[in-house]
Full PDB file with SEQRES, HELIX, SHEET, SSBOND, CRYST1, ORIGX, SCALE, CONECT and MASTER records, all heavy atoms in Angstrom:
SEQRES   1 A   42  PRO GLY GLU LYS LYS LEU GLU GLN ASP ARG ARG VAL ILE          
SEQRES   2 A   42  ARG SER ARG VAL ALA GLN LEU ARG ARG GLU LEU GLU ASP          
SEQRES   3 A   42  VAL VAL THR HIS ARG GLU LEU THR ARG LYS GLY ARG GLU          
SEQRES   4 A   42  ALA GLY ASP                                                  
HELIX    1 AA1 LEU A    6  GLN A    8  5                                   3    
HELIX    2 AA2 ARG A   10  ALA A   40  1                                  31    
CRYST1    1.000    1.000    1.000  90.00  90.00  90.00 P 1           1          
ORIGX1      1.000000  0.000000  0.000000        0.00000                         
ORIGX2      0.000000  1.000000  0.000000        0.00000                         
ORIGX3      0.000000  0.000000  1.000000        0.00000                         
SCALE1      1.000000  0.000000  0.000000        0.00000                         
SCALE2      0.000000  1.000000  0.000000        0.00000                         
SCALE3      0.000000  0.000000  1.000000        0.00000                         
ATOM      1  N   PRO A   1      -1.755  12.742   6.754  1.00  0.00           N  
ATOM      2  CA  PRO A   1      -2.013  11.858   7.881  1.00  0.00           C  
ATOM      3  C   PRO A   1      -2.122  12.558   9.228  1.00  0.00           C  
ATOM      4  O   PRO A   1      -2.535  11.955  10.197  1.00  0.00           O  
ATOM      5  CB  PRO A   1      -0.818  10.893   7.857  1.00  0.00           C  
ATOM      6  CG  PRO A   1       0.235  11.616   7.129  1.00  0.00           C  
ATOM      7  CD  PRO A   1      -0.463  12.477   6.127  1.00  0.00           C  
ATOM      8  N   GLY A   2      -1.728  13.824   9.344  1.00  0.00           N  
ATOM      9  CA  GLY A   2      -1.863  14.534  10.610  1.00  0.00           C  
ATOM     10  C   GLY A   2      -0.654  14.379  11.503  1.00  0.00           C  
ATOM     11  O   GLY A   2       0.326  13.713  11.174  1.00  0.00           O  
ATOM     12  N   GLU A   3      -0.709  14.977  12.669  1.00  0.00           N  
ATOM     13  CA  GLU A   3       0.443  15.011  13.583  1.00  0.00           C  
ATOM     14  C   GLU A   3       0.774  13.626  14.115  1.00  0.00           C  
ATOM     15  O   GLU A   3       1.777  13.031  13.749  1.00  0.00           O  
ATOM     16  CB  GLU A   3       0.135  15.975  14.733  1.00  0.00           C  
ATOM     17  CG  GLU A   3       1.218  16.043  15.803  1.00  0.00           C  
ATOM     18  CD  GLU A   3       2.449  16.755  15.333  1.00  0.00           C  
ATOM     19  OE1 GLU A   3       2.373  17.484  14.354  1.00  0.00           O  
ATOM     20  OE2 GLU A   3       3.508  16.572  15.950  1.00  0.00           O  
ATOM     21  N   LYS A   4      -0.057  13.079  14.995  1.00  0.00           N  
ATOM     22  CA  LYS A   4       0.108  11.737  15.537  1.00  0.00           C  
ATOM     23  C   LYS A   4       1.513  11.475  16.058  1.00  0.00           C  
ATOM     24  O   LYS A   4       1.968  10.343  16.110  1.00  0.00           O  
ATOM     25  CB  LYS A   4      -0.256  10.689  14.478  1.00  0.00           C  
ATOM     26  CG  LYS A   4      -1.665  10.785  13.942  1.00  0.00           C  
ATOM     27  CD  LYS A   4      -1.920   9.712  12.899  1.00  0.00           C  
ATOM     28  CE  LYS A   4      -3.282   9.865  12.256  1.00  0.00           C  
ATOM     29  NZ  LYS A   4      -3.515   8.901  11.177  1.00  0.00           N  
ATOM     30  N   LYS A   5       2.264  12.533  16.378  1.00  0.00           N  
ATOM     31  CA  LYS A   5       3.639  12.419  16.886  1.00  0.00           C  
ATOM     32  C   LYS A   5       4.562  11.726  15.886  1.00  0.00           C  
ATOM     33  O   LYS A   5       5.610  11.186  16.241  1.00  0.00           O  
ATOM     34  CB  LYS A   5       3.657  11.660  18.218  1.00  0.00           C  
ATOM     35  CG  LYS A   5       2.871  12.356  19.320  1.00  0.00           C  
ATOM     36  CD  LYS A   5       2.981  11.612  20.625  1.00  0.00           C  
ATOM     37  CE  LYS A   5       4.387  11.693  21.160  1.00  0.00           C  
ATOM     38  NZ  LYS A   5       4.497  11.061  22.500  1.00  0.00           N  
ATOM     39  N   LEU A   6       4.189  11.746  14.593  1.00  0.00           N  
ATOM     40  CA  LEU A   6       4.991  11.036  13.598  1.00  0.00           C  
ATOM     41  C   LEU A   6       6.396  11.601  13.484  1.00  0.00           C  
ATOM     42  O   LEU A   6       7.361  10.852  13.326  1.00  0.00           O  
ATOM     43  CB  LEU A   6       4.281  11.107  12.235  1.00  0.00           C  
ATOM     44  CG  LEU A   6       2.924  10.426  12.160  1.00  0.00           C  
ATOM     45  CD1 LEU A   6       2.357  10.548  10.771  1.00  0.00           C  
ATOM     46  CD2 LEU A   6       3.032   8.977  12.554  1.00  0.00           C  
ATOM     47  N   GLU A   7       6.476  12.970  13.517  1.00  0.00           N  
ATOM     48  CA  GLU A   7       7.781  13.596  13.340  1.00  0.00           C  
ATOM     49  C   GLU A   7       8.696  13.350  14.534  1.00  0.00           C  
ATOM     50  O   GLU A   7       9.891  13.610  14.461  1.00  0.00           O  
ATOM     51  CB  GLU A   7       7.606  15.101  13.114  1.00  0.00           C  
ATOM     52  CG  GLU A   7       6.951  15.479  11.794  1.00  0.00           C  
ATOM     53  CD  GLU A   7       5.452  15.403  11.851  1.00  0.00           C  
ATOM     54  OE1 GLU A   7       4.917  15.015  12.909  1.00  0.00           O  
ATOM     55  OE2 GLU A   7       4.803  15.712  10.836  1.00  0.00           O  
ATOM     56  N   GLN A   8       8.154  12.895  15.642  1.00  0.00           N  
ATOM     57  CA  GLN A   8       8.964  12.706  16.860  1.00  0.00           C  
ATOM     58  C   GLN A   8       9.370  11.261  17.066  1.00  0.00           C  
ATOM     59  O   GLN A   8      10.078  10.945  17.991  1.00  0.00           O  
ATOM     60  CB  GLN A   8       8.175  13.212  18.083  1.00  0.00           C  
ATOM     61  CG  GLN A   8       7.740  14.664  17.977  1.00  0.00           C  
ATOM     62  CD  GLN A   8       6.825  15.072  19.118  1.00  0.00           C  
ATOM     63  OE1 GLN A   8       6.806  14.447  20.162  1.00  0.00           O  
ATOM     64  NE2 GLN A   8       6.074  16.131  18.918  1.00  0.00           N  
ATOM     65  N   ASP A   9       8.931  10.366  16.273  1.00  0.00           N  
ATOM     66  CA  ASP A   9       9.170   8.954  16.543  1.00  0.00           C  
ATOM     67  C   ASP A   9       9.408   8.185  15.251  1.00  0.00           C  
ATOM     68  O   ASP A   9       8.465   7.837  14.542  1.00  0.00           O  
ATOM     69  CB  ASP A   9       7.971   8.370  17.285  1.00  0.00           C  
ATOM     70  CG  ASP A   9       8.262   7.004  17.879  1.00  0.00           C  
ATOM     71  OD1 ASP A   9       9.183   6.322  17.402  1.00  0.00           O  
ATOM     72  OD2 ASP A   9       7.560   6.622  18.819  1.00  0.00           O  
ATOM     73  N   ARG A  10      10.649   7.892  14.923  1.00  0.00           N  
ATOM     74  CA  ARG A  10      10.987   7.161  13.709  1.00  0.00           C  
ATOM     75  C   ARG A  10      10.319   5.784  13.678  1.00  0.00           C  
ATOM     76  O   ARG A  10       9.870   5.315  12.637  1.00  0.00           O  
ATOM     77  CB  ARG A  10      12.506   6.976  13.617  1.00  0.00           C  
ATOM     78  CG  ARG A  10      13.277   8.237  13.311  1.00  0.00           C  
ATOM     79  CD  ARG A  10      14.772   7.916  13.265  1.00  0.00           C  
ATOM     80  NE  ARG A  10      15.544   9.113  13.005  1.00  0.00           N  
ATOM     81  CZ  ARG A  10      15.867   9.541  11.786  1.00  0.00           C  
ATOM     82  NH1 ARG A  10      15.457   8.849  10.742  1.00  0.00           N  
ATOM     83  NH2 ARG A  10      16.569  10.633  11.633  1.00  0.00           N  
ATOM     84  N   ARG A  11      10.278   5.150  14.816  1.00  0.00           N  
ATOM     85  CA  ARG A  11       9.730   3.801  14.872  1.00  0.00           C  
ATOM     86  C   ARG A  11       8.265   3.790  14.457  1.00  0.00           C  
ATOM     87  O   ARG A  11       7.821   2.902  13.725  1.00  0.00           O  
ATOM     88  CB  ARG A  11       9.883   3.226  16.285  1.00  0.00           C  
ATOM     89  CG  ARG A  11       9.349   1.794  16.426  1.00  0.00           C  
ATOM     90  CD  ARG A  11       9.500   1.300  17.861  1.00  0.00           C  
ATOM     91  NE  ARG A  11       8.791   2.182  18.777  1.00  0.00           N  
ATOM     92  CZ  ARG A  11       7.479   2.132  18.983  1.00  0.00           C  
ATOM     93  NH1 ARG A  11       6.727   1.272  18.306  1.00  0.00           N  
ATOM     94  NH2 ARG A  11       6.902   2.947  19.836  1.00  0.00           N  
ATOM     95  N   VAL A  12       7.508   4.788  14.925  1.00  0.00           N  
ATOM     96  CA  VAL A  12       6.086   4.854  14.585  1.00  0.00           C  
ATOM     97  C   VAL A  12       5.907   5.051  13.089  1.00  0.00           C  
ATOM     98  O   VAL A  12       5.066   4.422  12.446  1.00  0.00           O  
ATOM     99  CB  VAL A  12       5.395   5.988  15.369  1.00  0.00           C  
ATOM    100  CG1 VAL A  12       3.959   6.172  14.892  1.00  0.00           C  
ATOM    101  CG2 VAL A  12       5.421   5.699  16.862  1.00  0.00           C  
ATOM    102  N   ILE A  13       6.749   5.954  12.506  1.00  0.00           N  
ATOM    103  CA  ILE A  13       6.645   6.222  11.071  1.00  0.00           C  
ATOM    104  C   ILE A  13       6.991   4.978  10.268  1.00  0.00           C  
ATOM    105  O   ILE A  13       6.277   4.612   9.325  1.00  0.00           O  
ATOM    106  CB  ILE A  13       7.560   7.386  10.663  1.00  0.00           C  
ATOM    107  CG1 ILE A  13       7.081   8.681  11.319  1.00  0.00           C  
ATOM    108  CG2 ILE A  13       7.585   7.548   9.147  1.00  0.00           C  
ATOM    109  CD1 ILE A  13       7.902   9.897  10.937  1.00  0.00           C  
ATOM    110  N   ARG A  14       8.082   4.315  10.645  1.00  0.00           N  
ATOM    111  CA  ARG A  14       8.493   3.125   9.896  1.00  0.00           C  
ATOM    112  C   ARG A  14       7.441   2.018   9.988  1.00  0.00           C  
ATOM    113  O   ARG A  14       7.204   1.287   9.022  1.00  0.00           O  
ATOM    114  CB  ARG A  14       9.835   2.627  10.422  1.00  0.00           C  
ATOM    115  CG  ARG A  14      11.003   3.514   9.967  1.00  0.00           C  
ATOM    116  CD  ARG A  14      12.280   3.146  10.654  1.00  0.00           C  
ATOM    117  NE  ARG A  14      13.379   3.953  10.135  1.00  0.00           N  
ATOM    118  CZ  ARG A  14      14.503   4.192  10.793  1.00  0.00           C  
ATOM    119  NH1 ARG A  14      14.672   3.685  12.007  1.00  0.00           N  
ATOM    120  NH2 ARG A  14      15.448   4.926  10.259  1.00  0.00           N  
ATOM    121  N   SER A  15       6.810   1.907  11.149  1.00  0.00           N  
ATOM    122  CA  SER A  15       5.756   0.921  11.307  1.00  0.00           C  
ATOM    123  C   SER A  15       4.575   1.243  10.400  1.00  0.00           C  
ATOM    124  O   SER A  15       4.009   0.351   9.752  1.00  0.00           O  
ATOM    125  CB  SER A  15       5.295   0.880  12.770  1.00  0.00           C  
ATOM    126  OG  SER A  15       4.209  -0.001  12.927  1.00  0.00           O  
ATOM    127  N   ARG A  16       4.218   2.521  10.331  1.00  0.00           N  
ATOM    128  CA  ARG A  16       3.112   2.934   9.476  1.00  0.00           C  
ATOM    129  C   ARG A  16       3.461   2.748   8.003  1.00  0.00           C  
ATOM    130  O   ARG A  16       2.628   2.316   7.201  1.00  0.00           O  
ATOM    131  CB  ARG A  16       2.766   4.400   9.756  1.00  0.00           C  
ATOM    132  CG  ARG A  16       1.642   4.963   8.887  1.00  0.00           C  
ATOM    133  CD  ARG A  16       0.352   4.199   9.052  1.00  0.00           C  
ATOM    134  NE  ARG A  16      -0.723   4.778   8.240  1.00  0.00           N  
ATOM    135  CZ  ARG A  16      -1.814   4.131   7.889  1.00  0.00           C  
ATOM    136  NH1 ARG A  16      -2.004   2.865   8.272  1.00  0.00           N  
ATOM    137  NH2 ARG A  16      -2.742   4.729   7.166  1.00  0.00           N  
ATOM    138  N   VAL A  17       4.713   3.056   7.623  1.00  0.00           N  
ATOM    139  CA  VAL A  17       5.161   2.869   6.247  1.00  0.00           C  
ATOM    140  C   VAL A  17       5.054   1.400   5.849  1.00  0.00           C  
ATOM    141  O   VAL A  17       4.580   1.069   4.753  1.00  0.00           O  
ATOM    142  CB  VAL A  17       6.611   3.373   6.061  1.00  0.00           C  
ATOM    143  CG1 VAL A  17       7.196   2.861   4.746  1.00  0.00           C  
ATOM    144  CG2 VAL A  17       6.654   4.893   6.097  1.00  0.00           C  
ATOM    145  N   ALA A  18       5.481   0.513   6.756  1.00  0.00           N  
ATOM    146  CA  ALA A  18       5.401  -0.922   6.474  1.00  0.00           C  
ATOM    147  C   ALA A  18       3.947  -1.362   6.284  1.00  0.00           C  
ATOM    148  O   ALA A  18       3.633  -2.165   5.397  1.00  0.00           O  
ATOM    149  CB  ALA A  18       6.048  -1.714   7.601  1.00  0.00           C  
ATOM    150  N   GLN A  19       3.049  -0.814   7.115  1.00  0.00           N  
ATOM    151  CA  GLN A  19       1.635  -1.148   6.997  1.00  0.00           C  
ATOM    152  C   GLN A  19       1.062  -0.662   5.668  1.00  0.00           C  
ATOM    153  O   GLN A  19       0.310  -1.378   5.001  1.00  0.00           O  
ATOM    154  CB  GLN A  19       0.855  -0.535   8.164  1.00  0.00           C  
ATOM    155  CG  GLN A  19      -0.640  -0.820   8.103  1.00  0.00           C  
ATOM    156  CD  GLN A  19      -1.408  -0.129   9.213  1.00  0.00           C  
ATOM    157  OE1 GLN A  19      -0.812   0.414  10.141  1.00  0.00           O  
ATOM    158  NE2 GLN A  19      -2.726  -0.129   9.118  1.00  0.00           N  
ATOM    159  N   LEU A  20       1.444   0.563   5.276  1.00  0.00           N  
ATOM    160  CA  LEU A  20       0.959   1.113   4.005  1.00  0.00           C  
ATOM    161  C   LEU A  20       1.434   0.280   2.834  1.00  0.00           C  
ATOM    162  O   LEU A  20       0.689   0.048   1.875  1.00  0.00           O  
ATOM    163  CB  LEU A  20       1.425   2.562   3.848  1.00  0.00           C  
ATOM    164  CG  LEU A  20       0.762   3.593   4.760  1.00  0.00           C  
ATOM    165  CD1 LEU A  20       1.458   4.948   4.627  1.00  0.00           C  
ATOM    166  CD2 LEU A  20      -0.718   3.732   4.430  1.00  0.00           C  
ATOM    167  N   ARG A  21       2.685  -0.173   2.901  1.00  0.00           N  
ATOM    168  CA  ARG A  21       3.221  -0.999   1.808  1.00  0.00           C  
ATOM    169  C   ARG A  21       2.452  -2.314   1.702  1.00  0.00           C  
ATOM    170  O   ARG A  21       2.189  -2.803   0.596  1.00  0.00           O  
ATOM    171  CB  ARG A  21       4.712  -1.266   2.029  1.00  0.00           C  
ATOM    172  CG  ARG A  21       5.595  -0.036   1.849  1.00  0.00           C  
ATOM    173  CD  ARG A  21       7.062  -0.425   1.780  1.00  0.00           C  
ATOM    174  NE  ARG A  21       7.918   0.737   1.643  1.00  0.00           N  
ATOM    175  CZ  ARG A  21       8.145   1.378   0.509  1.00  0.00           C  
ATOM    176  NH1 ARG A  21       7.557   0.966  -0.607  1.00  0.00           N  
ATOM    177  NH2 ARG A  21       8.952   2.421   0.477  1.00  0.00           N  
ATOM    178  N   ARG A  22       2.074  -2.883   2.842  1.00  0.00           N  
ATOM    179  CA  ARG A  22       1.293  -4.133   2.799  1.00  0.00           C  
ATOM    180  C   ARG A  22      -0.075  -3.885   2.178  1.00  0.00           C  
ATOM    181  O   ARG A  22      -0.569  -4.702   1.387  1.00  0.00           O  
ATOM    182  CB  ARG A  22       1.150  -4.701   4.217  1.00  0.00           C  
ATOM    183  CG  ARG A  22       2.436  -5.305   4.783  1.00  0.00           C  
ATOM    184  CD  ARG A  22       2.153  -6.119   6.031  1.00  0.00           C  
ATOM    185  NE  ARG A  22       1.611  -5.300   7.114  1.00  0.00           N  
ATOM    186  CZ  ARG A  22       2.357  -4.678   8.021  1.00  0.00           C  
ATOM    187  NH1 ARG A  22       3.682  -4.789   7.982  1.00  0.00           N  
ATOM    188  NH2 ARG A  22       1.797  -3.973   8.981  1.00  0.00           N  
ATOM    189  N   GLU A  23      -0.696  -2.782   2.557  1.00  0.00           N  
ATOM    190  CA  GLU A  23      -2.019  -2.470   2.006  1.00  0.00           C  
ATOM    191  C   GLU A  23      -1.922  -2.202   0.504  1.00  0.00           C  
ATOM    192  O   GLU A  23      -2.814  -2.594  -0.267  1.00  0.00           O  
ATOM    193  CB  GLU A  23      -2.615  -1.260   2.723  1.00  0.00           C  
ATOM    194  CG  GLU A  23      -2.959  -1.534   4.188  1.00  0.00           C  
ATOM    195  CD  GLU A  23      -3.566  -0.325   4.865  1.00  0.00           C  
ATOM    196  OE1 GLU A  23      -4.142   0.522   4.162  1.00  0.00           O  
ATOM    197  OE2 GLU A  23      -3.467  -0.220   6.110  1.00  0.00           O  
ATOM    198  N   LEU A  24      -0.847  -1.534   0.086  1.00  0.00           N  
ATOM    199  CA  LEU A  24      -0.679  -1.260  -1.339  1.00  0.00           C  
ATOM    200  C   LEU A  24      -0.393  -2.534  -2.119  1.00  0.00           C  
ATOM    201  O   LEU A  24      -0.747  -2.642  -3.291  1.00  0.00           O  
ATOM    202  CB  LEU A  24       0.449  -0.245  -1.554  1.00  0.00           C  
ATOM    203  CG  LEU A  24       0.073   1.214  -1.283  1.00  0.00           C  
ATOM    204  CD1 LEU A  24       1.307   2.109  -1.360  1.00  0.00           C  
ATOM    205  CD2 LEU A  24      -0.980   1.693  -2.275  1.00  0.00           C  
ATOM    206  N   GLU A  25       0.259  -3.519  -1.477  1.00  0.00           N  
ATOM    207  CA  GLU A  25       0.491  -4.804  -2.142  1.00  0.00           C  
ATOM    208  C   GLU A  25      -0.841  -5.484  -2.475  1.00  0.00           C  
ATOM    209  O   GLU A  25      -0.985  -6.115  -3.524  1.00  0.00           O  
ATOM    210  CB  GLU A  25       1.345  -5.709  -1.250  1.00  0.00           C  
ATOM    211  CG  GLU A  25       2.815  -5.307  -1.205  1.00  0.00           C  
ATOM    212  CD  GLU A  25       3.622  -6.185  -0.272  1.00  0.00           C  
ATOM    213  OE1 GLU A  25       3.026  -7.150   0.300  1.00  0.00           O  
ATOM    214  OE2 GLU A  25       4.822  -5.931  -0.093  1.00  0.00           O  
ATOM    215  N   ASP A  26      -1.817  -5.340  -1.566  1.00  0.00           N  
ATOM    216  CA  ASP A  26      -3.146  -5.902  -1.841  1.00  0.00           C  
ATOM    217  C   ASP A  26      -3.783  -5.190  -3.033  1.00  0.00           C  
ATOM    218  O   ASP A  26      -4.450  -5.823  -3.866  1.00  0.00           O  
ATOM    219  CB  ASP A  26      -4.041  -5.768  -0.610  1.00  0.00           C  
ATOM    220  CG  ASP A  26      -3.567  -6.626   0.552  1.00  0.00           C  
ATOM    221  OD1 ASP A  26      -2.860  -7.616   0.302  1.00  0.00           O  
ATOM    222  OD2 ASP A  26      -3.899  -6.300   1.717  1.00  0.00           O  
ATOM    223  N   VAL A  27      -3.583  -3.873  -3.099  1.00  0.00           N  
ATOM    224  CA  VAL A  27      -4.116  -3.101  -4.209  1.00  0.00           C  
ATOM    225  C   VAL A  27      -3.469  -3.538  -5.516  1.00  0.00           C  
ATOM    226  O   VAL A  27      -4.127  -3.677  -6.546  1.00  0.00           O  
ATOM    227  CB  VAL A  27      -3.905  -1.593  -3.989  1.00  0.00           C  
ATOM    228  CG1 VAL A  27      -4.337  -0.800  -5.221  1.00  0.00           C  
ATOM    229  CG2 VAL A  27      -4.685  -1.120  -2.774  1.00  0.00           C  
ATOM    230  N   VAL A  28      -2.148  -3.764  -5.468  1.00  0.00           N  
ATOM    231  CA  VAL A  28      -1.414  -4.197  -6.654  1.00  0.00           C  
ATOM    232  C   VAL A  28      -1.935  -5.556  -7.126  1.00  0.00           C  
ATOM    233  O   VAL A  28      -2.105  -5.795  -8.325  1.00  0.00           O  
ATOM    234  CB  VAL A  28       0.098  -4.270  -6.363  1.00  0.00           C  
ATOM    235  CG1 VAL A  28       0.838  -4.945  -7.521  1.00  0.00           C  
ATOM    236  CG2 VAL A  28       0.665  -2.878  -6.132  1.00  0.00           C  
ATOM    237  N   THR A  29      -2.201  -6.449  -6.176  1.00  0.00           N  
ATOM    238  CA  THR A  29      -2.743  -7.770  -6.528  1.00  0.00           C  
ATOM    239  C   THR A  29      -4.080  -7.627  -7.238  1.00  0.00           C  
ATOM    240  O   THR A  29      -4.335  -8.280  -8.261  1.00  0.00           O  
ATOM    241  CB  THR A  29      -2.920  -8.625  -5.266  1.00  0.00           C  
ATOM    242  OG1 THR A  29      -1.653  -8.794  -4.625  1.00  0.00           O  
ATOM    243  CG2 THR A  29      -3.486  -9.995  -5.624  1.00  0.00           C  
ATOM    244  N   HIS A  30      -4.941  -6.749  -6.722  1.00  0.00           N  
ATOM    245  CA  HIS A  30      -6.238  -6.509  -7.368  1.00  0.00           C  
ATOM    246  C   HIS A  30      -6.049  -5.902  -8.753  1.00  0.00           C  
ATOM    247  O   HIS A  30      -6.749  -6.267  -9.704  1.00  0.00           O  
ATOM    248  CB  HIS A  30      -7.078  -5.576  -6.493  1.00  0.00           C  
ATOM    249  CG  HIS A  30      -8.389  -5.194  -7.118  1.00  0.00           C  
ATOM    250  ND1 HIS A  30      -9.448  -6.071  -7.227  1.00  0.00           N  
ATOM    251  CD2 HIS A  30      -8.798  -4.027  -7.693  1.00  0.00           C  
ATOM    252  CE1 HIS A  30     -10.462  -5.467  -7.831  1.00  0.00           C  
ATOM    253  NE2 HIS A  30     -10.107  -4.230  -8.125  1.00  0.00           N  
ATOM    254  N   ARG A  31      -5.084  -4.992  -8.878  1.00  0.00           N  
ATOM    255  CA  ARG A  31      -4.831  -4.356 -10.165  1.00  0.00           C  
ATOM    256  C   ARG A  31      -4.345  -5.393 -11.184  1.00  0.00           C  
ATOM    257  O   ARG A  31      -4.711  -5.343 -12.357  1.00  0.00           O  
ATOM    258  CB  ARG A  31      -3.778  -3.244 -10.001  1.00  0.00           C  
ATOM    259  CG  ARG A  31      -3.565  -2.430 -11.275  1.00  0.00           C  
ATOM    260  CD  ARG A  31      -2.395  -1.472 -11.091  1.00  0.00           C  
ATOM    261  NE  ARG A  31      -2.677  -0.497 -10.062  1.00  0.00           N  
ATOM    262  CZ  ARG A  31      -3.392   0.602 -10.244  1.00  0.00           C  
ATOM    263  NH1 ARG A  31      -3.917   0.839 -11.427  1.00  0.00           N  
ATOM    264  NH2 ARG A  31      -3.596   1.460  -9.265  1.00  0.00           N  
ATOM    265  N   GLU A  32      -3.515  -6.335 -10.728  1.00  0.00           N  
ATOM    266  CA  GLU A  32      -3.017  -7.362 -11.637  1.00  0.00           C  
ATOM    267  C   GLU A  32      -4.146  -8.266 -12.111  1.00  0.00           C  
ATOM    268  O   GLU A  32      -4.170  -8.694 -13.273  1.00  0.00           O  
ATOM    269  CB  GLU A  32      -1.926  -8.182 -10.943  1.00  0.00           C  
ATOM    270  CG  GLU A  32      -0.622  -7.412 -10.749  1.00  0.00           C  
ATOM    271  CD  GLU A  32       0.411  -8.215  -9.992  1.00  0.00           C  
ATOM    272  OE1 GLU A  32       0.033  -9.289  -9.455  1.00  0.00           O  
ATOM    273  OE2 GLU A  32       1.578  -7.774  -9.917  1.00  0.00           O  
ATOM    274  N   LEU A  33      -5.101  -8.567 -11.240  1.00  0.00           N  
ATOM    275  CA  LEU A  33      -6.239  -9.374 -11.648  1.00  0.00           C  
ATOM    276  C   LEU A  33      -7.074  -8.640 -12.693  1.00  0.00           C  
ATOM    277  O   LEU A  33      -7.535  -9.237 -13.673  1.00  0.00           O  
ATOM    278  CB  LEU A  33      -7.111  -9.705 -10.424  1.00  0.00           C  
ATOM    279  CG  LEU A  33      -6.514 -10.685  -9.410  1.00  0.00           C  
ATOM    280  CD1 LEU A  33      -7.417 -10.804  -8.194  1.00  0.00           C  
ATOM    281  CD2 LEU A  33      -6.295 -12.048 -10.045  1.00  0.00           C  
ATOM    282  N   THR A  34      -7.260  -7.329 -12.476  1.00  0.00           N  
ATOM    283  CA  THR A  34      -7.995  -6.528 -13.453  1.00  0.00           C  
ATOM    284  C   THR A  34      -7.258  -6.506 -14.783  1.00  0.00           C  
ATOM    285  O   THR A  34      -7.869  -6.602 -15.855  1.00  0.00           O  
ATOM    286  CB  THR A  34      -8.184  -5.098 -12.936  1.00  0.00           C  
ATOM    287  OG1 THR A  34      -8.853  -5.134 -11.677  1.00  0.00           O  
ATOM    288  CG2 THR A  34      -8.994  -4.262 -13.913  1.00  0.00           C  
ATOM    289  N   ARG A  35      -5.929  -6.382 -14.714  1.00  0.00           N  
ATOM    290  CA  ARG A  35      -5.128  -6.338 -15.932  1.00  0.00           C  
ATOM    291  C   ARG A  35      -5.219  -7.669 -16.686  1.00  0.00           C  
ATOM    292  O   ARG A  35      -5.301  -7.700 -17.909  1.00  0.00           O  
ATOM    293  CB  ARG A  35      -3.675  -6.023 -15.586  1.00  0.00           C  
ATOM    294  CG  ARG A  35      -2.772  -5.819 -16.805  1.00  0.00           C  
ATOM    295  CD  ARG A  35      -1.334  -5.606 -16.390  1.00  0.00           C  
ATOM    296  NE  ARG A  35      -1.210  -4.448 -15.523  1.00  0.00           N  
ATOM    297  CZ  ARG A  35      -0.649  -4.473 -14.317  1.00  0.00           C  
ATOM    298  NH1 ARG A  35      -0.179  -5.603 -13.822  1.00  0.00           N  
ATOM    299  NH2 ARG A  35      -0.559  -3.370 -13.602  1.00  0.00           N  
ATOM    300  N   LYS A  36      -5.200  -8.778 -15.941  1.00  0.00           N  
ATOM    301  CA  LYS A  36      -5.317 -10.088 -16.580  1.00  0.00           C  
ATOM    302  C   LYS A  36      -6.673 -10.231 -17.259  1.00  0.00           C  
ATOM    303  O   LYS A  36      -6.785 -10.863 -18.317  1.00  0.00           O  
ATOM    304  CB  LYS A  36      -5.123 -11.198 -15.546  1.00  0.00           C  
ATOM    305  CG  LYS A  36      -3.674 -11.343 -15.085  1.00  0.00           C  
ATOM    306  CD  LYS A  36      -3.533 -12.451 -14.057  1.00  0.00           C  
ATOM    307  CE  LYS A  36      -2.077 -12.583 -13.607  1.00  0.00           C  
ATOM    308  NZ  LYS A  36      -1.922 -13.642 -12.567  1.00  0.00           N  
ATOM    309  N   GLY A  37      -7.710  -9.631 -16.646  1.00  0.00           N  
ATOM    310  CA  GLY A  37      -9.021  -9.662 -17.276  1.00  0.00           C  
ATOM    311  C   GLY A  37      -9.017  -8.923 -18.600  1.00  0.00           C  
ATOM    312  O   GLY A  37      -9.633  -9.356 -19.575  1.00  0.00           O  
ATOM    313  N   ARG A  38      -8.292  -7.800 -18.647  1.00  0.00           N  
ATOM    314  CA  ARG A  38      -8.182  -7.057 -19.904  1.00  0.00           C  
ATOM    315  C   ARG A  38      -7.384  -7.850 -20.932  1.00  0.00           C  
ATOM    316  O   ARG A  38      -7.726  -7.891 -22.113  1.00  0.00           O  
ATOM    317  CB  ARG A  38      -7.513  -5.705 -19.647  1.00  0.00           C  
ATOM    318  CG  ARG A  38      -8.319  -4.768 -18.776  1.00  0.00           C  
ATOM    319  CD  ARG A  38      -7.849  -3.344 -18.945  1.00  0.00           C  
ATOM    320  NE  ARG A  38      -6.466  -3.141 -18.588  1.00  0.00           N  
ATOM    321  CZ  ARG A  38      -6.065  -2.675 -17.404  1.00  0.00           C  
ATOM    322  NH1 ARG A  38      -6.956  -2.389 -16.470  1.00  0.00           N  
ATOM    323  NH2 ARG A  38      -4.793  -2.503 -17.147  1.00  0.00           N  
ATOM    324  N   GLU A  39      -6.286  -8.464 -20.469  1.00  0.00           N  
ATOM    325  CA  GLU A  39      -5.442  -9.223 -21.392  1.00  0.00           C  
ATOM    326  C   GLU A  39      -6.198 -10.411 -21.969  1.00  0.00           C  
ATOM    327  O   GLU A  39      -5.961 -10.819 -23.106  1.00  0.00           O  
ATOM    328  CB  GLU A  39      -4.179  -9.685 -20.666  1.00  0.00           C  
ATOM    329  CG  GLU A  39      -3.238  -8.530 -20.306  1.00  0.00           C  
ATOM    330  CD  GLU A  39      -2.072  -8.999 -19.448  1.00  0.00           C  
ATOM    331  OE1 GLU A  39      -2.101 -10.177 -18.996  1.00  0.00           O  
ATOM    332  OE2 GLU A  39      -1.150  -8.188 -19.205  1.00  0.00           O  
ATOM    333  N   ALA A  40      -7.127 -10.967 -21.175  1.00  0.00           N  
ATOM    334  CA  ALA A  40      -7.908 -12.116 -21.666  1.00  0.00           C  
ATOM    335  C   ALA A  40      -8.770 -11.720 -22.844  1.00  0.00           C  
ATOM    336  O   ALA A  40      -9.123 -12.553 -23.677  1.00  0.00           O  
ATOM    337  CB  ALA A  40      -8.770 -12.666 -20.531  1.00  0.00           C  
ATOM    338  N   GLY A  41      -9.106 -10.444 -22.922  1.00  0.00           N  
ATOM    339  CA  GLY A  41      -9.897  -9.973 -24.046  1.00  0.00           C  
ATOM    340  C   GLY A  41      -9.078  -9.688 -25.278  1.00  0.00           C  
ATOM    341  O   GLY A  41      -9.632  -9.410 -26.340  1.00  0.00           O  
ATOM    342  N   ASP A  42      -7.770  -9.756 -25.176  1.00  0.00           N  
ATOM    343  CA  ASP A  42      -6.857  -9.560 -26.311  1.00  0.00           C  
ATOM    344  C   ASP A  42      -7.054  -8.213 -27.002  1.00  0.00           C  
ATOM    345  O   ASP A  42      -6.899  -8.108 -28.222  1.00  0.00           O  
ATOM    346  CB  ASP A  42      -7.015 -10.688 -27.341  1.00  0.00           C  
ATOM    347  CG  ASP A  42      -6.517 -12.019 -26.806  1.00  0.00           C  
ATOM    348  OD1 ASP A  42      -5.435 -12.033 -26.193  1.00  0.00           O  
ATOM    349  OD2 ASP A  42      -7.211 -13.026 -26.986  1.00  0.00           O  
TER     350      ASP A  42                                                      
MASTER        0    0    0    2    0    0    0    6  349    1    0    4          
END                                                                             
């Protein structure tokens, strides 16, 4: 991710971590839909 003063500011890092987790939750939702499509094929 680069410098972005991340190592100097805990708040900035935690905010970015929270954002990444939200984005990954969307990915997980998409993955679950794909998995359900596979399961439908038995």
